[in-house]
PDB file of all heavy atoms in Angstrom:
ATOM      1  N   PRO A   1     -20.588 -36.306 112.910  1.00  0.00           N
ATOM      2  CA  PRO A   1     -19.959 -37.605 112.966  1.00  0.00           C
ATOM      3  C   PRO A   1     -20.956 -38.693 113.130  1.00  0.00           C
ATOM      4  O   PRO A   1     -20.616 -39.948 112.978  1.00  0.00           O
ATOM      5  CB  PRO A   1     -18.948 -37.495 114.109  1.00  0.00           C
ATOM      6  CG  PRO A   1     -19.428 -36.376 114.919  1.00  0.00           C
ATOM      7  CD  PRO A   1     -20.092 -35.424 113.961  1.00  0.00           C
ATOM      8  N   GLN A   2     -22.138 -38.375 113.528  1.00  0.00           N
ATOM      9  CA  GLN A   2     -23.210 -39.426 113.604  1.00  0.00           C
ATOM     10  C   GLN A   2     -23.880 -39.730 112.299  1.00  0.00           C
ATOM     11  O   GLN A   2     -24.294 -40.817 112.047  1.00  0.00           O
ATOM     12  CB  GLN A   2     -24.214 -39.106 114.727  1.00  0.00           C
ATOM     13  CG  GLN A   2     -23.770 -39.220 116.056  1.00  0.00           C
ATOM     14  CD  GLN A   2     -24.765 -38.807 117.104  1.00  0.00           C
ATOM     15  OE1 GLN A   2     -25.608 -38.068 116.866  1.00  0.00           O
ATOM     16  NE2 GLN A   2     -24.681 -39.377 118.339  1.00  0.00           N
ATOM     17  N   MET A   3     -24.004 -38.711 111.454  1.00  0.00           N
ATOM     18  CA  MET A   3     -24.836 -38.830 110.264  1.00  0.00           C
ATOM     19  C   MET A   3     -24.080 -39.264 109.031  1.00  0.00           C
ATOM     20  O   MET A   3     -24.590 -39.894 108.170  1.00  0.00           O
ATOM     21  CB  MET A   3     -25.528 -37.526 109.917  1.00  0.00           C
ATOM     22  CG  MET A   3     -24.722 -36.464 109.338  1.00  0.00           C
ATOM     23  SD  MET A   3     -25.638 -34.909 108.914  1.00  0.00           S
ATOM     24  CE  MET A   3     -24.332 -34.052 108.070  1.00  0.00           C
ATOM     25  N   ILE A   4     -22.787 -38.979 108.911  1.00  0.00           N
ATOM     26  CA  ILE A   4     -22.056 -39.215 107.724  1.00  0.00           C
ATOM     27  C   ILE A   4     -21.848 -40.713 107.428  1.00  0.00           C
ATOM     28  O   ILE A   4     -21.589 -41.493 108.304  1.00  0.00           O
ATOM     29  CB  ILE A   4     -20.745 -38.379 107.596  1.00  0.00           C
ATOM     30  CG1 ILE A   4     -19.946 -38.592 108.844  1.00  0.00           C
ATOM     31  CG2 ILE A   4     -21.057 -36.921 107.407  1.00  0.00           C
ATOM     32  CD1 ILE A   4     -18.668 -37.770 108.809  1.00  0.00           C
ATOM     33  N   THR A   5     -21.870 -41.085 106.189  1.00  0.00           N
ATOM     34  CA  THR A   5     -21.906 -42.511 105.774  1.00  0.00           C
ATOM     35  C   THR A   5     -20.573 -43.254 106.116  1.00  0.00           C
ATOM     36  O   THR A   5     -20.635 -44.458 106.361  1.00  0.00           O
ATOM     37  CB  THR A   5     -22.162 -42.619 104.259  1.00  0.00           C
ATOM     38  OG1 THR A   5     -21.121 -41.994 103.610  1.00  0.00           O
ATOM     39  CG2 THR A   5     -23.496 -42.152 103.835  1.00  0.00           C
ATOM     40  N   ASN A   6     -19.414 -42.495 106.179  1.00  0.00           N
ATOM     41  CA  ASN A   6     -18.173 -43.178 106.522  1.00  0.00           C
ATOM     42  C   ASN A   6     -18.033 -43.648 107.913  1.00  0.00           C
ATOM     43  O   ASN A   6     -17.046 -44.330 108.306  1.00  0.00           O
ATOM     44  CB  ASN A   6     -16.980 -42.382 106.057  1.00  0.00           C
ATOM     45  CG  ASN A   6     -16.892 -41.175 106.976  1.00  0.00           C
ATOM     46  OD1 ASN A   6     -17.769 -40.413 107.129  1.00  0.00           O
ATOM     47  ND2 ASN A   6     -15.699 -41.044 107.647  1.00  0.00           N
ATOM     48  N   MET A   7     -18.959 -43.270 108.785  1.00  0.00           N
ATOM     49  CA  MET A   7     -18.848 -43.582 110.196  1.00  0.00           C
ATOM     50  C   MET A   7     -19.060 -45.021 110.635  1.00  0.00           C
ATOM     51  O   MET A   7     -18.611 -45.422 111.714  1.00  0.00           O
ATOM     52  CB  MET A   7     -19.596 -42.660 111.096  1.00  0.00           C
ATOM     53  CG  MET A   7     -19.033 -41.205 111.251  1.00  0.00           C
ATOM     54  SD  MET A   7     -17.338 -41.412 112.163  1.00  0.00           S
ATOM     55  CE  MET A   7     -16.746 -39.801 111.662  1.00  0.00           C
ATOM     56  N   ALA A   8     -19.583 -45.824 109.742  1.00  0.00           N
ATOM     57  CA  ALA A   8     -19.574 -47.252 109.987  1.00  0.00           C
ATOM     58  C   ALA A   8     -18.116 -47.800 109.911  1.00  0.00           C
ATOM     59  O   ALA A   8     -17.634 -48.439 110.844  1.00  0.00           O
ATOM     60  CB  ALA A   8     -20.450 -48.022 109.059  1.00  0.00           C
ATOM     61  N   ALA A   9     -17.462 -47.430 108.843  1.00  0.00           N
ATOM     62  CA  ALA A   9     -16.071 -47.784 108.633  1.00  0.00           C
ATOM     63  C   ALA A   9     -15.228 -47.235 109.746  1.00  0.00           C
ATOM     64  O   ALA A   9     -14.334 -47.798 110.364  1.00  0.00           O
ATOM     65  CB  ALA A   9     -15.530 -47.413 107.284  1.00  0.00           C
ATOM     66  N   GLY A  10     -15.402 -45.855 110.025  1.00  0.00           N
ATOM     67  CA  GLY A  10     -14.579 -45.179 111.033  1.00  0.00           C
ATOM     68  C   GLY A  10     -14.734 -45.848 112.390  1.00  0.00           C
ATOM     69  O   GLY A  10     -13.673 -46.050 113.089  1.00  0.00           O
ATOM     70  N   ASN A  11     -15.929 -46.105 112.828  1.00  0.00           N
ATOM     71  CA  ASN A  11     -16.148 -46.747 114.121  1.00  0.00           C
ATOM     72  C   ASN A  11     -15.509 -48.159 114.157  1.00  0.00           C
ATOM     73  O   ASN A  11     -15.035 -48.560 115.236  1.00  0.00           O
ATOM     74  CB  ASN A  11     -17.641 -46.771 114.549  1.00  0.00           C
ATOM     75  CG  ASN A  11     -18.034 -45.422 115.078  1.00  0.00           C
ATOM     76  OD1 ASN A  11     -17.505 -45.017 116.139  1.00  0.00           O
ATOM     77  ND2 ASN A  11     -18.956 -44.691 114.344  1.00  0.00           N
ATOM     78  N   ILE A  12     -15.587 -48.922 113.085  1.00  0.00           N
ATOM     79  CA  ILE A  12     -15.059 -50.251 113.024  1.00  0.00           C
ATOM     80  C   ILE A  12     -13.509 -50.241 113.295  1.00  0.00           C
ATOM     81  O   ILE A  12     -12.953 -50.902 114.087  1.00  0.00           O
ATOM     82  CB  ILE A  12     -15.384 -50.944 111.715  1.00  0.00           C
ATOM     83  CG1 ILE A  12     -16.852 -51.361 111.726  1.00  0.00           C
ATOM     84  CG2 ILE A  12     -14.496 -52.181 111.533  1.00  0.00           C
ATOM     85  CD1 ILE A  12     -17.312 -51.859 110.300  1.00  0.00           C
ATOM     86  N   THR A  13     -12.883 -49.302 112.628  1.00  0.00           N
ATOM     87  CA  THR A  13     -11.422 -49.133 112.777  1.00  0.00           C
ATOM     88  C   THR A  13     -11.045 -48.793 114.185  1.00  0.00           C
ATOM     89  O   THR A  13     -10.105 -49.347 114.727  1.00  0.00           O
ATOM     90  CB  THR A  13     -10.818 -48.132 111.746  1.00  0.00           C
ATOM     91  OG1 THR A  13     -11.350 -46.841 112.038  1.00  0.00           O
ATOM     92  CG2 THR A  13     -11.145 -48.551 110.294  1.00  0.00           C
ATOM     93  N   ILE A  14     -11.804 -47.948 114.803  1.00  0.00           N
ATOM     94  CA  ILE A  14     -11.497 -47.461 116.140  1.00  0.00           C
ATOM     95  C   ILE A  14     -11.779 -48.682 117.147  1.00  0.00           C
ATOM     96  O   ILE A  14     -10.929 -48.873 118.047  1.00  0.00           O
ATOM     97  CB  ILE A  14     -12.382 -46.288 116.501  1.00  0.00           C
ATOM     98  CG1 ILE A  14     -12.016 -45.042 115.717  1.00  0.00           C
ATOM     99  CG2 ILE A  14     -12.402 -46.018 118.075  1.00  0.00           C
ATOM    100  CD1 ILE A  14     -13.043 -43.936 115.801  1.00  0.00           C
ATOM    101  N   GLN A  15     -12.903 -49.428 116.940  1.00  0.00           N
ATOM    102  CA  GLN A  15     -13.243 -50.421 117.911  1.00  0.00           C
ATOM    103  C   GLN A  15     -12.230 -51.623 117.786  1.00  0.00           C
ATOM    104  O   GLN A  15     -11.959 -52.216 118.808  1.00  0.00           O
ATOM    105  CB  GLN A  15     -14.628 -50.982 117.591  1.00  0.00           C
ATOM    106  CG  GLN A  15     -15.715 -49.928 117.917  1.00  0.00           C
ATOM    107  CD  GLN A  15     -15.986 -49.722 119.384  1.00  0.00           C
ATOM    108  OE1 GLN A  15     -15.986 -50.715 120.256  1.00  0.00           O
ATOM    109  NE2 GLN A  15     -16.125 -48.512 119.834  1.00  0.00           N
ATOM    110  N   PHE A  16     -11.692 -51.892 116.656  1.00  0.00           N
ATOM    111  CA  PHE A  16     -10.908 -53.108 116.505  1.00  0.00           C
ATOM    112  C   PHE A  16      -9.474 -52.773 116.221  1.00  0.00           C
ATOM    113  O   PHE A  16      -8.662 -53.694 115.886  1.00  0.00           O
ATOM    114  CB  PHE A  16     -11.508 -53.937 115.356  1.00  0.00           C
ATOM    115  CG  PHE A  16     -12.846 -54.394 115.698  1.00  0.00           C
ATOM    116  CD1 PHE A  16     -14.011 -53.769 115.297  1.00  0.00           C
ATOM    117  CD2 PHE A  16     -13.112 -55.498 116.548  1.00  0.00           C
ATOM    118  CE1 PHE A  16     -15.290 -54.127 115.600  1.00  0.00           C
ATOM    119  CE2 PHE A  16     -14.327 -55.934 116.881  1.00  0.00           C
ATOM    120  CZ  PHE A  16     -15.451 -55.268 116.396  1.00  0.00           C
ATOM    121  N   GLY A  17      -9.022 -51.501 116.251  1.00  0.00           N
ATOM    122  CA  GLY A  17      -7.616 -51.213 116.075  1.00  0.00           C
ATOM    123  C   GLY A  17      -7.075 -51.406 114.649  1.00  0.00           C
ATOM    124  O   GLY A  17      -5.900 -51.725 114.518  1.00  0.00           O
ATOM    125  N   ILE A  18      -7.894 -51.131 113.722  1.00  0.00           N
ATOM    126  CA  ILE A  18      -7.497 -51.312 112.299  1.00  0.00           C
ATOM    127  C   ILE A  18      -6.886 -49.989 111.748  1.00  0.00           C
ATOM    128  O   ILE A  18      -7.472 -48.957 111.810  1.00  0.00           O
ATOM    129  CB  ILE A  18      -8.755 -51.745 111.467  1.00  0.00           C
ATOM    130  CG1 ILE A  18      -9.199 -53.103 111.848  1.00  0.00           C
ATOM    131  CG2 ILE A  18      -8.418 -51.643 109.916  1.00  0.00           C
ATOM    132  CD1 ILE A  18     -10.642 -53.375 111.414  1.00  0.00           C
ATOM    133  N   LYS A  19      -5.607 -50.149 111.290  1.00  0.00           N
ATOM    134  CA  LYS A  19      -4.956 -48.939 110.811  1.00  0.00           C
ATOM    135  C   LYS A  19      -4.514 -48.910 109.361  1.00  0.00           C
ATOM    136  O   LYS A  19      -3.903 -47.997 108.874  1.00  0.00           O
ATOM    137  CB  LYS A  19      -3.741 -48.770 111.724  1.00  0.00           C
ATOM    138  CG  LYS A  19      -3.962 -48.552 113.130  1.00  0.00           C
ATOM    139  CD  LYS A  19      -2.800 -48.255 113.996  1.00  0.00           C
ATOM    140  CE  LYS A  19      -3.064 -48.039 115.435  1.00  0.00           C
ATOM    141  NZ  LYS A  19      -1.887 -47.704 116.258  1.00  0.00           N
ATOM    142  N   GLY A  20      -4.978 -49.947 108.668  1.00  0.00           N
ATOM    143  CA  GLY A  20      -4.687 -49.994 107.177  1.00  0.00           C
ATOM    144  C   GLY A  20      -5.728 -49.142 106.383  1.00  0.00           C
ATOM    145  O   GLY A  20      -6.461 -48.254 106.935  1.00  0.00           O
ATOM    146  N   LYS A  21      -5.724 -49.322 105.096  1.00  0.00           N
ATOM    147  CA  LYS A  21      -6.684 -48.665 104.190  1.00  0.00           C
ATOM    148  C   LYS A  21      -8.103 -48.751 104.776  1.00  0.00           C
ATOM    149  O   LYS A  21      -8.642 -49.896 105.029  1.00  0.00           O
ATOM    150  CB  LYS A  21      -6.568 -49.309 102.787  1.00  0.00           C
ATOM    151  CG  LYS A  21      -7.569 -48.804 101.796  1.00  0.00           C
ATOM    152  CD  LYS A  21      -7.341 -49.535 100.443  1.00  0.00           C
ATOM    153  CE  LYS A  21      -8.105 -48.973  99.355  1.00  0.00           C
ATOM    154  NZ  LYS A  21      -7.823 -49.726  98.092  1.00  0.00           N
ATOM    155  N   SER A  22      -8.775 -47.626 104.844  1.00  0.00           N
ATOM    156  CA  SER A  22     -10.133 -47.587 105.372  1.00  0.00           C
ATOM    157  C   SER A  22     -11.019 -46.683 104.432  1.00  0.00           C
ATOM    158  O   SER A  22     -10.765 -45.491 104.342  1.00  0.00           O
ATOM    159  CB  SER A  22     -10.179 -47.094 106.736  1.00  0.00           C
ATOM    160  OG  SER A  22     -11.563 -47.020 107.234  1.00  0.00           O
ATOM    161  N   ILE A  23     -11.996 -47.239 103.732  1.00  0.00           N
ATOM    162  CA  ILE A  23     -12.827 -46.439 102.893  1.00  0.00           C
ATOM    163  C   ILE A  23     -14.270 -46.830 102.976  1.00  0.00           C
ATOM    164  O   ILE A  23     -14.562 -47.934 103.451  1.00  0.00           O
ATOM    165  CB  ILE A  23     -12.221 -46.615 101.329  1.00  0.00           C
ATOM    166  CG1 ILE A  23     -12.233 -48.181 101.061  1.00  0.00           C
ATOM    167  CG2 ILE A  23     -10.905 -46.023 101.177  1.00  0.00           C
ATOM    168  CD1 ILE A  23     -11.918 -48.317  99.508  1.00  0.00           C
ATOM    169  N   ASN A  24     -15.007 -45.921 102.421  1.00  0.00           N
ATOM    170  CA  ASN A  24     -16.559 -46.136 102.510  1.00  0.00           C
ATOM    171  C   ASN A  24     -17.014 -45.849 101.069  1.00  0.00           C
ATOM    172  O   ASN A  24     -16.974 -44.637 100.611  1.00  0.00           O
ATOM    173  CB  ASN A  24     -17.092 -45.098 103.529  1.00  0.00           C
ATOM    174  CG  ASN A  24     -18.575 -44.863 103.176  1.00  0.00           C
ATOM    175  OD1 ASN A  24     -19.420 -45.736 103.264  1.00  0.00           O
ATOM    176  ND2 ASN A  24     -18.892 -43.562 102.943  1.00  0.00           N
ATOM    177  N   ILE A  25     -17.474 -46.860 100.378  1.00  0.00           N
ATOM    178  CA  ILE A  25     -17.960 -46.654  98.958  1.00  0.00           C
ATOM    179  C   ILE A  25     -19.513 -46.595  99.082  1.00  0.00           C
ATOM    180  O   ILE A  25     -20.124 -47.568  99.655  1.00  0.00           O
ATOM    181  CB  ILE A  25     -17.574 -47.738  98.074  1.00  0.00           C
ATOM    182  CG1 ILE A  25     -16.082 -47.825  97.979  1.00  0.00           C
ATOM    183  CG2 ILE A  25     -18.269 -47.659  96.749  1.00  0.00           C
ATOM    184  CD1 ILE A  25     -15.532 -49.169  97.382  1.00  0.00           C
ATOM    185  N   ALA A  26     -20.142 -45.497  98.685  1.00  0.00           N
ATOM    186  CA  ALA A  26     -21.596 -45.308  98.751  1.00  0.00           C
ATOM    187  C   ALA A  26     -22.179 -45.326  97.469  1.00  0.00           C
ATOM    188  O   ALA A  26     -22.075 -44.241  96.754  1.00  0.00           O
ATOM    189  CB  ALA A  26     -21.826 -44.049  99.595  1.00  0.00           C
ATOM    190  N   THR A  27     -22.719 -46.374  96.965  1.00  0.00           N
ATOM    191  CA  THR A  27     -23.391 -46.493  95.678  1.00  0.00           C
ATOM    192  C   THR A  27     -24.832 -47.012  95.847  1.00  0.00           C
ATOM    193  O   THR A  27     -25.160 -47.972  95.131  1.00  0.00           O
ATOM    194  CB  THR A  27     -22.609 -47.391  94.748  1.00  0.00           C
ATOM    195  OG1 THR A  27     -22.293 -48.613  95.463  1.00  0.00           O
ATOM    196  CG2 THR A  27     -21.278 -46.735  94.308  1.00  0.00           C
ATOM    197  N   ALA A  28     -25.508 -46.420  96.796  1.00  0.00           N
ATOM    198  CA  ALA A  28     -26.917 -46.757  96.994  1.00  0.00           C
ATOM    199  C   ALA A  28     -27.041 -48.242  97.185  1.00  0.00           C
ATOM    200  O   ALA A  28     -26.349 -48.833  98.035  1.00  0.00           O
ATOM    201  CB  ALA A  28     -27.806 -46.194  95.905  1.00  0.00           C
ATOM    202  N   CYS A  29     -27.868 -48.955  96.399  1.00  0.00           N
ATOM    203  CA  CYS A  29     -28.275 -50.332  96.663  1.00  0.00           C
ATOM    204  C   CYS A  29     -27.181 -51.247  96.220  1.00  0.00           C
ATOM    205  O   CYS A  29     -27.226 -52.447  96.494  1.00  0.00           O
ATOM    206  CB  CYS A  29     -29.500 -50.714  95.833  1.00  0.00           C
ATOM    207  SG  CYS A  29     -30.825 -49.554  96.181  1.00  0.00           S
ATOM    208  N   ALA A  30     -26.087 -50.769  95.590  1.00  0.00           N
ATOM    209  CA  ALA A  30     -24.925 -51.627  95.203  1.00  0.00           C
ATOM    210  C   ALA A  30     -23.757 -51.508  96.206  1.00  0.00           C
ATOM    211  O   ALA A  30     -22.709 -52.070  96.020  1.00  0.00           O
ATOM    212  CB  ALA A  30     -24.396 -51.212  93.773  1.00  0.00           C
ATOM    213  N   THR A  31     -23.954 -50.666  97.242  1.00  0.00           N
ATOM    214  CA  THR A  31     -22.934 -50.319  98.211  1.00  0.00           C
ATOM    215  C   THR A  31     -22.214 -51.586  98.780  1.00  0.00           C
ATOM    216  O   THR A  31     -21.024 -51.696  98.786  1.00  0.00           O
ATOM    217  CB  THR A  31     -23.456 -49.533  99.406  1.00  0.00           C
ATOM    218  OG1 THR A  31     -23.931 -48.236  98.885  1.00  0.00           O
ATOM    219  CG2 THR A  31     -22.437 -49.261 100.484  1.00  0.00           C
ATOM    220  N   GLY A  32     -22.979 -52.527  99.331  1.00  0.00           N
ATOM    221  CA  GLY A  32     -22.391 -53.699  99.983  1.00  0.00           C
ATOM    222  C   GLY A  32     -21.511 -54.432  99.016  1.00  0.00           C
ATOM    223  O   GLY A  32     -20.391 -54.887  99.360  1.00  0.00           O
ATOM    224  N   THR A  33     -21.998 -54.714  97.822  1.00  0.00           N
ATOM    225  CA  THR A  33     -21.256 -55.510  96.857  1.00  0.00           C
ATOM    226  C   THR A  33     -20.010 -54.776  96.387  1.00  0.00           C
ATOM    227  O   THR A  33     -18.955 -55.345  96.279  1.00  0.00           O
ATOM    228  CB  THR A  33     -22.148 -55.863  95.734  1.00  0.00           C
ATOM    229  OG1 THR A  33     -23.289 -56.673  96.175  1.00  0.00           O
ATOM    230  CG2 THR A  33     -21.378 -56.766  94.650  1.00  0.00           C
ATOM    231  N   HIS A  34     -20.133 -53.470  96.107  1.00  0.00           N
ATOM    232  CA  HIS A  34     -18.956 -52.743  95.744  1.00  0.00           C
ATOM    233  C   HIS A  34     -17.902 -52.680  96.857  1.00  0.00           C
ATOM    234  O   HIS A  34     -16.715 -52.804  96.510  1.00  0.00           O
ATOM    235  CB  HIS A  34     -19.321 -51.238  95.429  1.00  0.00           C
ATOM    236  CG  HIS A  34     -19.831 -51.042  94.021  1.00  0.00           C
ATOM    237  ND1 HIS A  34     -20.966 -50.350  93.694  1.00  0.00           N
ATOM    238  CD2 HIS A  34     -19.337 -51.458  92.790  1.00  0.00           C
ATOM    239  CE1 HIS A  34     -21.163 -50.350  92.403  1.00  0.00           C
ATOM    240  NE2 HIS A  34     -20.180 -51.052  91.778  1.00  0.00           N
ATOM    241  N   ASN A  35     -18.301 -52.638  98.072  1.00  0.00           N
ATOM    242  CA  ASN A  35     -17.299 -52.587  99.151  1.00  0.00           C
ATOM    243  C   ASN A  35     -16.569 -53.894  99.225  1.00  0.00           C
ATOM    244  O   ASN A  35     -15.371 -54.004  99.503  1.00  0.00           O
ATOM    245  CB  ASN A  35     -17.964 -52.153 100.518  1.00  0.00           C
ATOM    246  CG  ASN A  35     -18.159 -50.729 100.591  1.00  0.00           C
ATOM    247  OD1 ASN A  35     -17.201 -50.062 101.041  1.00  0.00           O
ATOM    248  ND2 ASN A  35     -19.298 -50.187 100.260  1.00  0.00           N
ATOM    249  N   ILE A  36     -17.333 -54.999  99.149  1.00  0.00           N
ATOM    250  CA  ILE A  36     -16.641 -56.336  99.163  1.00  0.00           C
ATOM    251  C   ILE A  36     -15.721 -56.534  97.945  1.00  0.00           C
ATOM    252  O   ILE A  36     -14.638 -57.069  98.120  1.00  0.00           O
ATOM    253  CB  ILE A  36     -17.713 -57.472  99.250  1.00  0.00           C
ATOM    254  CG1 ILE A  36     -18.480 -57.402 100.563  1.00  0.00           C
ATOM    255  CG2 ILE A  36     -17.090 -58.905  99.059  1.00  0.00           C
ATOM    256  CD1 ILE A  36     -19.668 -58.343 100.737  1.00  0.00           C
ATOM    257  N   GLY A  37     -16.227 -56.084  96.808  1.00  0.00           N
ATOM    258  CA  GLY A  37     -15.400 -56.156  95.569  1.00  0.00           C
ATOM    259  C   GLY A  37     -14.108 -55.345  95.644  1.00  0.00           C
ATOM    260  O   GLY A  37     -13.040 -55.807  95.268  1.00  0.00           O
ATOM    261  N   GLU A  38     -14.185 -54.135  96.202  1.00  0.00           N
ATOM    262  CA  GLU A  38     -12.976 -53.290  96.190  1.00  0.00           C
ATOM    263  C   GLU A  38     -12.112 -53.788  97.354  1.00  0.00           C
ATOM    264  O   GLU A  38     -10.809 -53.637  97.230  1.00  0.00           O
ATOM    265  CB  GLU A  38     -13.456 -51.889  96.522  1.00  0.00           C
ATOM    266  CG  GLU A  38     -14.152 -51.258  95.405  1.00  0.00           C
ATOM    267  CD  GLU A  38     -13.393 -51.211  93.975  1.00  0.00           C
ATOM    268  OE1 GLU A  38     -12.183 -51.052  94.093  1.00  0.00           O
ATOM    269  OE2 GLU A  38     -14.053 -51.430  92.975  1.00  0.00           O
ATOM    270  N   ALA A  39     -12.594 -54.427  98.431  1.00  0.00           N
ATOM    271  CA  ALA A  39     -11.746 -55.022  99.380  1.00  0.00           C
ATOM    272  C   ALA A  39     -11.002 -56.166  98.881  1.00  0.00           C
ATOM    273  O   ALA A  39      -9.807 -56.477  99.136  1.00  0.00           O
ATOM    274  CB  ALA A  39     -12.594 -55.466 100.630  1.00  0.00           C
ATOM    275  N   PHE A  40     -11.699 -56.969  98.022  1.00  0.00           N
ATOM    276  CA  PHE A  40     -11.081 -58.094  97.229  1.00  0.00           C
ATOM    277  C   PHE A  40      -9.919 -57.635  96.422  1.00  0.00           C
ATOM    278  O   PHE A  40      -8.792 -58.172  96.428  1.00  0.00           O
ATOM    279  CB  PHE A  40     -12.212 -58.750  96.403  1.00  0.00           C
ATOM    280  CG  PHE A  40     -11.739 -59.693  95.318  1.00  0.00           C
ATOM    281  CD1 PHE A  40     -11.048 -60.793  95.518  1.00  0.00           C
ATOM    282  CD2 PHE A  40     -12.130 -59.436  93.960  1.00  0.00           C
ATOM    283  CE1 PHE A  40     -10.652 -61.640  94.482  1.00  0.00           C
ATOM    284  CE2 PHE A  40     -11.843 -60.272  92.975  1.00  0.00           C
ATOM    285  CZ  PHE A  40     -11.061 -61.404  93.213  1.00  0.00           C
ATOM    286  N   ARG A  41     -10.110 -56.499  95.620  1.00  0.00           N
ATOM    287  CA  ARG A  41      -9.028 -55.939  94.842  1.00  0.00           C
ATOM    288  C   ARG A  41      -7.906 -55.468  95.740  1.00  0.00           C
ATOM    289  O   ARG A  41      -6.722 -55.581  95.338  1.00  0.00           O
ATOM    290  CB  ARG A  41      -9.634 -54.758  94.073  1.00  0.00           C
ATOM    291  CG  ARG A  41     -10.518 -55.153  92.850  1.00  0.00           C
ATOM    292  CD  ARG A  41      -9.665 -55.482  91.654  1.00  0.00           C
ATOM    293  NE  ARG A  41     -10.590 -55.647  90.515  1.00  0.00           N
ATOM    294  CZ  ARG A  41     -11.043 -56.872  90.152  1.00  0.00           C
ATOM    295  NH1 ARG A  41     -10.638 -57.954  90.846  1.00  0.00           N
ATOM    296  NH2 ARG A  41     -11.822 -57.038  89.175  1.00  0.00           N
ATOM    297  N   THR A  42      -8.235 -54.855  96.843  1.00  0.00           N
ATOM    298  CA  THR A  42      -7.149 -54.349  97.691  1.00  0.00           C
ATOM    299  C   THR A  42      -6.263 -55.428  98.110  1.00  0.00           C
ATOM    300  O   THR A  42      -4.994 -55.222  98.147  1.00  0.00           O
ATOM    301  CB  THR A  42      -7.784 -53.711  99.026  1.00  0.00           C
ATOM    302  OG1 THR A  42      -8.536 -52.559  98.496  1.00  0.00           O
ATOM    303  CG2 THR A  42      -6.786 -53.263  99.945  1.00  0.00           C
TER     304      THR A  42
END
């Protein structure tokens, strides 16, 4: 649970009580933009 990439999202949801859709898109150097884009679509 410390090494896997989704634990940034997982810990955010735990810390702030977020219970909706929670995903982790890992596309190397495009990760940040893809995550904002997919959140926009959501």
